[in-house]
Amino acid sequence: MAGDLTPDAVMEAVERIMSVRSEWGSTDCCFAACDVFADLHGIDPMAPVRGSYVDVIGAARLLKNYGGFASMAVALAGAAGLIVSDGRTGDIGLSSAGVGMGPERRCLLICAKPGVWAGKTELGYGIIRNAERSWRA
């Protein structure tokens, strides 16, 4: 399915899933990106931690348990069987520090096309040019 993904198909999923208010533990930056990824590929990288937090304090505890946001992203991508990528249409990625809303100010992103990454914001989503690292199905 990944080879058939178009930027329009990815953005349709991004708009449908990310165009809601952010709620910790359900539609925050991690879960929203993983919901889009699951919609596109049938794989939910956040499946092992669904239901593990409902607020920013719980999110911070989860990150601490993994040794930080980047370590969590790497661990969950590996557990989901994802492969390190160079940022292709439909890939999931990790923002650089200072981009996200929550602890560590990072977020998970979805690649609409190379150089166009969508990430969850408080009331919808935003677009940035790159991800620090990324994975594909």
N, C-alpha and C. Protein backbone atom coordinates (compact mmCIF):
# COMPACT_ATOMS: atom_id res chain seq x y z
N MET A 1 0.81 -1.19 0.00
CA MET A 1 0.00 0.00 0.00
C MET A 1 0.85 1.25 0.00
N ALA A 2 2.01 1.26 0.68
CA ALA A 2 2.83 2.45 0.80
C ALA A 2 3.27 2.97 -0.56
N GLY A 3 3.55 2.09 -1.51
CA GLY A 3 3.96 2.51 -2.84
C GLY A 3 2.87 3.24 -3.59
N ASP A 4 1.64 3.02 -3.20
CA ASP A 4 0.50 3.65 -3.86
C ASP A 4 0.10 4.97 -3.22
N LEU A 5 0.75 5.35 -2.14
CA LEU A 5 0.35 6.56 -1.44
C LEU A 5 0.72 7.81 -2.23
N THR A 6 -0.22 8.72 -2.30
CA THR A 6 0.03 10.02 -2.92
C THR A 6 0.01 11.09 -1.84
N PRO A 7 0.63 12.22 -2.10
CA PRO A 7 0.54 13.31 -1.13
C PRO A 7 -0.91 13.70 -0.81
N ASP A 8 -1.78 13.66 -1.81
CA ASP A 8 -3.19 14.00 -1.57
C ASP A 8 -3.84 13.00 -0.62
N ALA A 9 -3.54 11.71 -0.79
CA ALA A 9 -4.12 10.69 0.09
C ALA A 9 -3.61 10.86 1.52
N VAL A 10 -2.33 11.17 1.67
CA VAL A 10 -1.78 11.39 3.00
C VAL A 10 -2.42 12.61 3.64
N MET A 11 -2.52 13.70 2.88
CA MET A 11 -3.10 14.93 3.45
C MET A 11 -4.59 14.76 3.77
N GLU A 12 -5.29 13.93 3.02
CA GLU A 12 -6.70 13.67 3.34
C GLU A 12 -6.79 12.99 4.71
N ALA A 13 -5.91 12.03 4.96
CA ALA A 13 -5.89 11.35 6.27
C ALA A 13 -5.44 12.31 7.36
N VAL A 14 -4.44 13.13 7.09
CA VAL A 14 -3.98 14.13 8.07
C VAL A 14 -5.13 15.06 8.44
N GLU A 15 -5.81 15.60 7.45
CA GLU A 15 -6.91 16.54 7.72
C GLU A 15 -8.04 15.87 8.48
N ARG A 16 -8.39 14.66 8.11
CA ARG A 16 -9.49 13.95 8.77
C ARG A 16 -9.15 13.63 10.22
N ILE A 17 -7.93 13.25 10.49
CA ILE A 17 -7.54 12.79 11.83
C ILE A 17 -6.98 13.90 12.71
N MET A 18 -6.21 14.80 12.13
CA MET A 18 -5.54 15.82 12.95
C MET A 18 -6.33 17.12 13.12
N SER A 19 -7.41 17.29 12.41
CA SER A 19 -8.16 18.55 12.47
C SER A 19 -9.13 18.60 13.64
N VAL A 20 -8.66 18.19 14.79
CA VAL A 20 -9.46 18.22 16.02
C VAL A 20 -8.61 18.81 17.13
N ARG A 21 -9.25 19.19 18.21
CA ARG A 21 -8.53 19.71 19.37
C ARG A 21 -7.66 18.60 19.95
N SER A 22 -6.46 18.96 20.36
CA SER A 22 -5.55 18.00 20.96
C SER A 22 -6.00 17.65 22.38
N GLU A 23 -6.02 16.36 22.67
CA GLU A 23 -6.34 15.86 24.01
C GLU A 23 -5.26 14.86 24.38
N TRP A 24 -4.65 15.05 25.55
CA TRP A 24 -3.60 14.14 25.99
C TRP A 24 -4.11 12.71 26.04
N GLY A 25 -3.32 11.81 25.48
CA GLY A 25 -3.64 10.40 25.54
C GLY A 25 -4.63 9.90 24.50
N SER A 26 -5.11 10.79 23.63
CA SER A 26 -6.02 10.33 22.58
C SER A 26 -5.78 11.02 21.24
N THR A 27 -5.69 12.33 21.24
CA THR A 27 -5.47 13.05 19.98
C THR A 27 -4.28 14.00 20.08
N ASP A 28 -3.34 13.69 20.96
CA ASP A 28 -2.14 14.52 21.08
C ASP A 28 -1.22 14.26 19.89
N CYS A 29 -0.05 14.88 19.89
CA CYS A 29 0.83 14.80 18.72
C CYS A 29 1.29 13.37 18.43
N CYS A 30 1.49 12.58 19.44
CA CYS A 30 1.94 11.19 19.21
C CYS A 30 0.81 10.33 18.68
N PHE A 31 -0.32 10.35 19.36
CA PHE A 31 -1.42 9.49 18.95
C PHE A 31 -2.00 9.91 17.60
N ALA A 32 -2.09 11.21 17.34
CA ALA A 32 -2.64 11.67 16.06
C ALA A 32 -1.76 11.21 14.90
N ALA A 33 -0.44 11.37 15.02
CA ALA A 33 0.45 10.93 13.94
C ALA A 33 0.35 9.41 13.75
N CYS A 34 0.29 8.69 14.86
CA CYS A 34 0.18 7.23 14.77
C CYS A 34 -1.17 6.78 14.24
N ASP A 35 -2.22 7.55 14.52
CA ASP A 35 -3.53 7.25 13.94
C ASP A 35 -3.51 7.42 12.42
N VAL A 36 -2.84 8.48 11.96
CA VAL A 36 -2.71 8.67 10.51
C VAL A 36 -1.89 7.53 9.91
N PHE A 37 -0.76 7.21 10.55
CA PHE A 37 0.09 6.13 10.06
C PHE A 37 -0.69 4.81 10.01
N ALA A 38 -1.47 4.53 11.04
CA ALA A 38 -2.28 3.31 11.07
C ALA A 38 -3.33 3.32 9.96
N ASP A 39 -3.92 4.48 9.71
CA ASP A 39 -4.90 4.61 8.65
C ASP A 39 -4.26 4.32 7.28
N LEU A 40 -3.03 4.76 7.10
CA LEU A 40 -2.34 4.59 5.82
C LEU A 40 -1.72 3.20 5.64
N HIS A 41 -1.23 2.62 6.76
CA HIS A 41 -0.45 1.39 6.66
C HIS A 41 -0.99 0.20 7.46
N GLY A 42 -1.96 0.45 8.33
CA GLY A 42 -2.49 -0.63 9.15
C GLY A 42 -1.61 -1.00 10.33
N ILE A 43 -0.65 -0.14 10.68
CA ILE A 43 0.27 -0.38 11.79
C ILE A 43 0.18 0.80 12.75
N ASP A 44 -0.05 0.53 14.03
CA ASP A 44 -0.13 1.58 15.05
C ASP A 44 1.11 1.52 15.94
N PRO A 45 2.10 2.37 15.69
CA PRO A 45 3.31 2.34 16.52
C PRO A 45 3.06 2.63 18.00
N MET A 46 1.98 3.32 18.34
CA MET A 46 1.69 3.65 19.74
C MET A 46 0.84 2.59 20.42
N ALA A 47 0.51 1.51 19.74
CA ALA A 47 -0.35 0.48 20.33
C ALA A 47 0.11 0.02 21.71
N PRO A 48 1.41 -0.20 21.94
CA PRO A 48 1.83 -0.69 23.26
C PRO A 48 1.57 0.27 24.41
N VAL A 49 1.37 1.56 24.10
CA VAL A 49 1.21 2.54 25.19
C VAL A 49 -0.16 3.22 25.18
N ARG A 50 -1.07 2.76 24.35
CA ARG A 50 -2.42 3.35 24.35
C ARG A 50 -3.04 3.15 25.72
N GLY A 51 -3.66 4.21 26.23
CA GLY A 51 -4.29 4.16 27.54
C GLY A 51 -3.34 4.37 28.70
N SER A 52 -2.08 4.67 28.43
CA SER A 52 -1.10 4.79 29.51
C SER A 52 -1.02 6.18 30.13
N TYR A 53 -1.65 7.19 29.52
CA TYR A 53 -1.67 8.52 30.12
C TYR A 53 -2.88 9.31 29.63
N VAL A 54 -3.28 10.30 30.43
CA VAL A 54 -4.42 11.15 30.09
C VAL A 54 -4.12 12.63 30.28
N ASP A 55 -2.89 12.95 30.67
CA ASP A 55 -2.51 14.34 30.88
C ASP A 55 -1.02 14.52 30.64
N VAL A 56 -0.57 15.76 30.69
CA VAL A 56 0.84 16.05 30.41
C VAL A 56 1.76 15.40 31.44
N ILE A 57 1.31 15.25 32.67
CA ILE A 57 2.13 14.61 33.70
C ILE A 57 2.33 13.13 33.36
N GLY A 58 1.26 12.48 32.95
CA GLY A 58 1.37 11.08 32.54
C GLY A 58 2.24 10.92 31.30
N ALA A 59 2.13 11.87 30.37
CA ALA A 59 2.98 11.82 29.17
C ALA A 59 4.45 11.96 29.56
N ALA A 60 4.73 12.88 30.48
CA ALA A 60 6.10 13.08 30.94
C ALA A 60 6.64 11.82 31.62
N ARG A 61 5.79 11.15 32.40
CA ARG A 61 6.22 9.89 33.04
C ARG A 61 6.54 8.82 32.00
N LEU A 62 5.70 8.72 30.99
CA LEU A 62 5.93 7.75 29.94
C LEU A 62 7.26 8.02 29.25
N LEU A 63 7.51 9.28 28.91
CA LEU A 63 8.77 9.64 28.27
C LEU A 63 9.96 9.31 29.16
N LYS A 64 9.82 9.59 30.45
CA LYS A 64 10.90 9.28 31.39
C LYS A 64 11.17 7.78 31.42
N ASN A 65 10.10 6.97 31.40
CA ASN A 65 10.27 5.52 31.41
C ASN A 65 11.04 5.01 30.20
N TYR A 66 10.90 5.71 29.08
CA TYR A 66 11.61 5.32 27.85
C TYR A 66 12.97 5.99 27.72
N GLY A 67 13.29 6.91 28.62
CA GLY A 67 14.57 7.62 28.51
C GLY A 67 14.51 8.83 27.61
N GLY A 68 13.31 9.33 27.35
CA GLY A 68 13.14 10.52 26.52
C GLY A 68 12.31 10.26 25.28
N PHE A 69 11.91 11.35 24.63
CA PHE A 69 11.02 11.27 23.47
C PHE A 69 11.67 10.50 22.33
N ALA A 70 12.91 10.85 22.00
CA ALA A 70 13.58 10.18 20.89
C ALA A 70 13.73 8.69 21.16
N SER A 71 14.11 8.34 22.38
CA SER A 71 14.25 6.91 22.73
C SER A 71 12.92 6.19 22.62
N MET A 72 11.84 6.85 23.05
CA MET A 72 10.51 6.25 22.94
C MET A 72 10.15 6.02 21.47
N ALA A 73 10.38 7.04 20.63
CA ALA A 73 10.05 6.92 19.21
C ALA A 73 10.82 5.76 18.57
N VAL A 74 12.10 5.67 18.86
CA VAL A 74 12.92 4.59 18.31
C VAL A 74 12.42 3.22 18.79
N ALA A 75 12.13 3.11 20.09
CA ALA A 75 11.66 1.85 20.65
C ALA A 75 10.32 1.43 20.07
N LEU A 76 9.38 2.36 19.98
CA LEU A 76 8.05 2.02 19.46
C LEU A 76 8.10 1.70 17.97
N ALA A 77 8.92 2.43 17.22
CA ALA A 77 9.07 2.13 15.78
C ALA A 77 9.65 0.73 15.61
N GLY A 78 10.65 0.40 16.40
CA GLY A 78 11.25 -0.94 16.33
C GLY A 78 10.27 -2.02 16.70
N ALA A 79 9.51 -1.80 17.78
CA ALA A 79 8.52 -2.79 18.21
C ALA A 79 7.44 -3.00 17.16
N ALA A 80 7.15 -1.96 16.38
CA ALA A 80 6.13 -2.06 15.33
C ALA A 80 6.70 -2.64 14.04
N GLY A 81 8.00 -2.92 14.01
CA GLY A 81 8.62 -3.48 12.82
C GLY A 81 8.90 -2.46 11.73
N LEU A 82 8.97 -1.18 12.09
CA LEU A 82 9.23 -0.14 11.09
C LEU A 82 10.71 -0.09 10.76
N ILE A 83 11.00 0.41 9.58
CA ILE A 83 12.36 0.47 9.04
C ILE A 83 12.78 1.94 8.94
N VAL A 84 14.00 2.24 9.33
CA VAL A 84 14.52 3.61 9.20
C VAL A 84 14.43 4.02 7.74
N SER A 85 13.99 5.26 7.51
CA SER A 85 13.78 5.73 6.14
C SER A 85 14.43 7.10 5.94
N ASP A 86 14.30 7.56 4.71
CA ASP A 86 14.83 8.88 4.37
C ASP A 86 13.71 9.91 4.18
N GLY A 87 12.52 9.63 4.69
CA GLY A 87 11.43 10.60 4.63
C GLY A 87 10.65 10.57 3.34
N ARG A 88 9.92 9.49 3.14
CA ARG A 88 9.10 9.33 1.94
C ARG A 88 7.63 9.57 2.28
N THR A 89 6.83 9.75 1.26
CA THR A 89 5.40 9.95 1.42
C THR A 89 4.80 8.83 2.28
N GLY A 90 4.13 9.22 3.36
CA GLY A 90 3.47 8.26 4.24
C GLY A 90 4.31 7.81 5.41
N ASP A 91 5.58 8.21 5.48
CA ASP A 91 6.44 7.82 6.60
C ASP A 91 6.05 8.56 7.87
N ILE A 92 6.45 8.02 9.00
CA ILE A 92 6.29 8.69 10.29
C ILE A 92 7.66 9.18 10.72
N GLY A 93 7.69 10.34 11.36
CA GLY A 93 8.97 10.90 11.74
C GLY A 93 8.94 11.55 13.11
N LEU A 94 10.11 11.91 13.56
CA LEU A 94 10.31 12.58 14.84
C LEU A 94 10.80 13.99 14.56
N SER A 95 10.14 14.97 15.16
CA SER A 95 10.57 16.36 14.99
C SER A 95 11.85 16.62 15.76
N SER A 96 12.52 17.67 15.40
CA SER A 96 13.65 18.11 16.21
C SER A 96 13.10 18.75 17.48
N ALA A 97 13.96 18.94 18.46
CA ALA A 97 13.53 19.56 19.72
C ALA A 97 13.06 20.99 19.45
N GLY A 98 12.06 21.42 20.21
CA GLY A 98 11.53 22.77 20.08
C GLY A 98 10.35 22.90 19.16
N VAL A 99 9.89 21.80 18.56
CA VAL A 99 8.79 21.86 17.60
C VAL A 99 7.45 21.47 18.23
N GLY A 100 7.42 20.57 19.18
CA GLY A 100 6.16 20.06 19.72
C GLY A 100 5.61 20.86 20.88
N MET A 101 4.46 20.40 21.40
CA MET A 101 3.76 21.09 22.47
C MET A 101 4.11 20.57 23.86
N GLY A 102 4.36 19.33 24.00
CA GLY A 102 4.45 18.71 25.32
C GLY A 102 5.85 18.62 25.88
N PRO A 103 6.04 17.65 26.76
CA PRO A 103 7.35 17.46 27.37
C PRO A 103 8.42 17.30 26.28
N GLU A 104 9.53 17.95 26.47
CA GLU A 104 10.66 17.94 25.54
C GLU A 104 10.39 18.71 24.26
N ARG A 105 9.19 19.24 24.11
CA ARG A 105 8.81 20.05 22.92
C ARG A 105 9.22 19.37 21.61
N ARG A 106 8.76 18.12 21.49
CA ARG A 106 8.94 17.34 20.27
C ARG A 106 7.59 16.78 19.87
N CYS A 107 7.49 16.27 18.65
CA CYS A 107 6.26 15.60 18.25
C CYS A 107 6.57 14.57 17.17
N LEU A 108 5.60 13.70 16.95
CA LEU A 108 5.68 12.78 15.83
C LEU A 108 5.01 13.45 14.64
N LEU A 109 5.50 13.13 13.47
CA LEU A 109 5.07 13.79 12.23
C LEU A 109 4.71 12.74 11.18
N ILE A 110 3.98 13.18 10.17
CA ILE A 110 3.66 12.35 9.01
C ILE A 110 4.17 13.07 7.76
N CYS A 111 4.85 12.33 6.90
CA CYS A 111 5.40 12.91 5.67
C CYS A 111 4.34 12.89 4.57
N ALA A 112 3.91 14.07 4.15
CA ALA A 112 2.96 14.16 3.02
C ALA A 112 3.70 13.95 1.71
N LYS A 113 4.90 14.48 1.65
CA LYS A 113 5.83 14.25 0.55
C LYS A 113 7.18 14.76 1.04
N PRO A 114 8.28 14.35 0.43
CA PRO A 114 9.58 14.80 0.92
C PRO A 114 9.61 16.32 1.08
N GLY A 115 10.01 16.75 2.28
CA GLY A 115 10.06 18.18 2.58
C GLY A 115 8.78 18.78 3.10
N VAL A 116 7.74 17.95 3.28
CA VAL A 116 6.45 18.42 3.81
C VAL A 116 5.99 17.43 4.88
N TRP A 117 6.13 17.85 6.14
CA TRP A 117 5.78 17.01 7.29
C TRP A 117 4.65 17.66 8.07
N ALA A 118 3.61 16.89 8.39
CA ALA A 118 2.48 17.38 9.17
C ALA A 118 2.60 16.93 10.61
N GLY A 119 2.38 17.85 11.52
CA GLY A 119 2.41 17.53 12.94
C GLY A 119 1.22 18.14 13.65
N LYS A 120 0.75 17.47 14.67
CA LYS A 120 -0.43 17.91 15.44
C LYS A 120 -0.10 19.17 16.22
N THR A 121 -1.03 20.11 16.21
CA THR A 121 -0.98 21.31 17.04
C THR A 121 -2.16 21.25 18.00
N GLU A 122 -2.29 22.23 18.84
CA GLU A 122 -3.37 22.21 19.82
C GLU A 122 -4.75 22.16 19.17
N LEU A 123 -4.95 22.88 18.09
CA LEU A 123 -6.27 22.95 17.47
C LEU A 123 -6.36 22.33 16.08
N GLY A 124 -5.30 21.75 15.60
CA GLY A 124 -5.31 21.17 14.26
C GLY A 124 -3.95 20.57 13.96
N TYR A 125 -3.35 21.05 12.86
CA TYR A 125 -2.02 20.57 12.51
C TYR A 125 -1.24 21.68 11.82
N GLY A 126 0.08 21.50 11.80
CA GLY A 126 0.96 22.43 11.11
C GLY A 126 1.90 21.66 10.20
N ILE A 127 2.56 22.39 9.34
CA ILE A 127 3.48 21.80 8.37
C ILE A 127 4.89 22.34 8.64
N ILE A 128 5.86 21.43 8.66
CA ILE A 128 7.26 21.83 8.75
C ILE A 128 8.02 21.14 7.62
N ARG A 129 9.25 21.54 7.39
CA ARG A 129 10.01 21.05 6.23
C ARG A 129 10.76 19.74 6.45
N ASN A 130 11.10 19.40 7.69
CA ASN A 130 11.89 18.18 7.85
C ASN A 130 11.66 17.52 9.20
N ALA A 131 12.08 16.29 9.25
CA ALA A 131 12.04 15.50 10.48
C ALA A 131 13.48 15.15 10.84
N GLU A 132 13.72 14.98 12.13
CA GLU A 132 15.06 14.60 12.58
C GLU A 132 15.41 13.19 12.14
N ARG A 133 14.42 12.30 12.20
CA ARG A 133 14.56 10.93 11.72
C ARG A 133 13.19 10.42 11.34
N SER A 134 13.16 9.33 10.57
CA SER A 134 11.88 8.82 10.13
C SER A 134 11.93 7.32 9.89
N TRP A 135 10.71 6.74 9.80
CA TRP A 135 10.56 5.30 9.62
C TRP A 135 9.44 5.04 8.61
N ARG A 136 9.53 3.87 7.98
CA ARG A 136 8.48 3.45 7.03
C ARG A 136 8.01 2.04 7.40
N ALA A 137 6.86 1.71 6.87
CA ALA A 137 6.29 0.38 7.11
C ALA A 137 7.03 -0.66 6.31
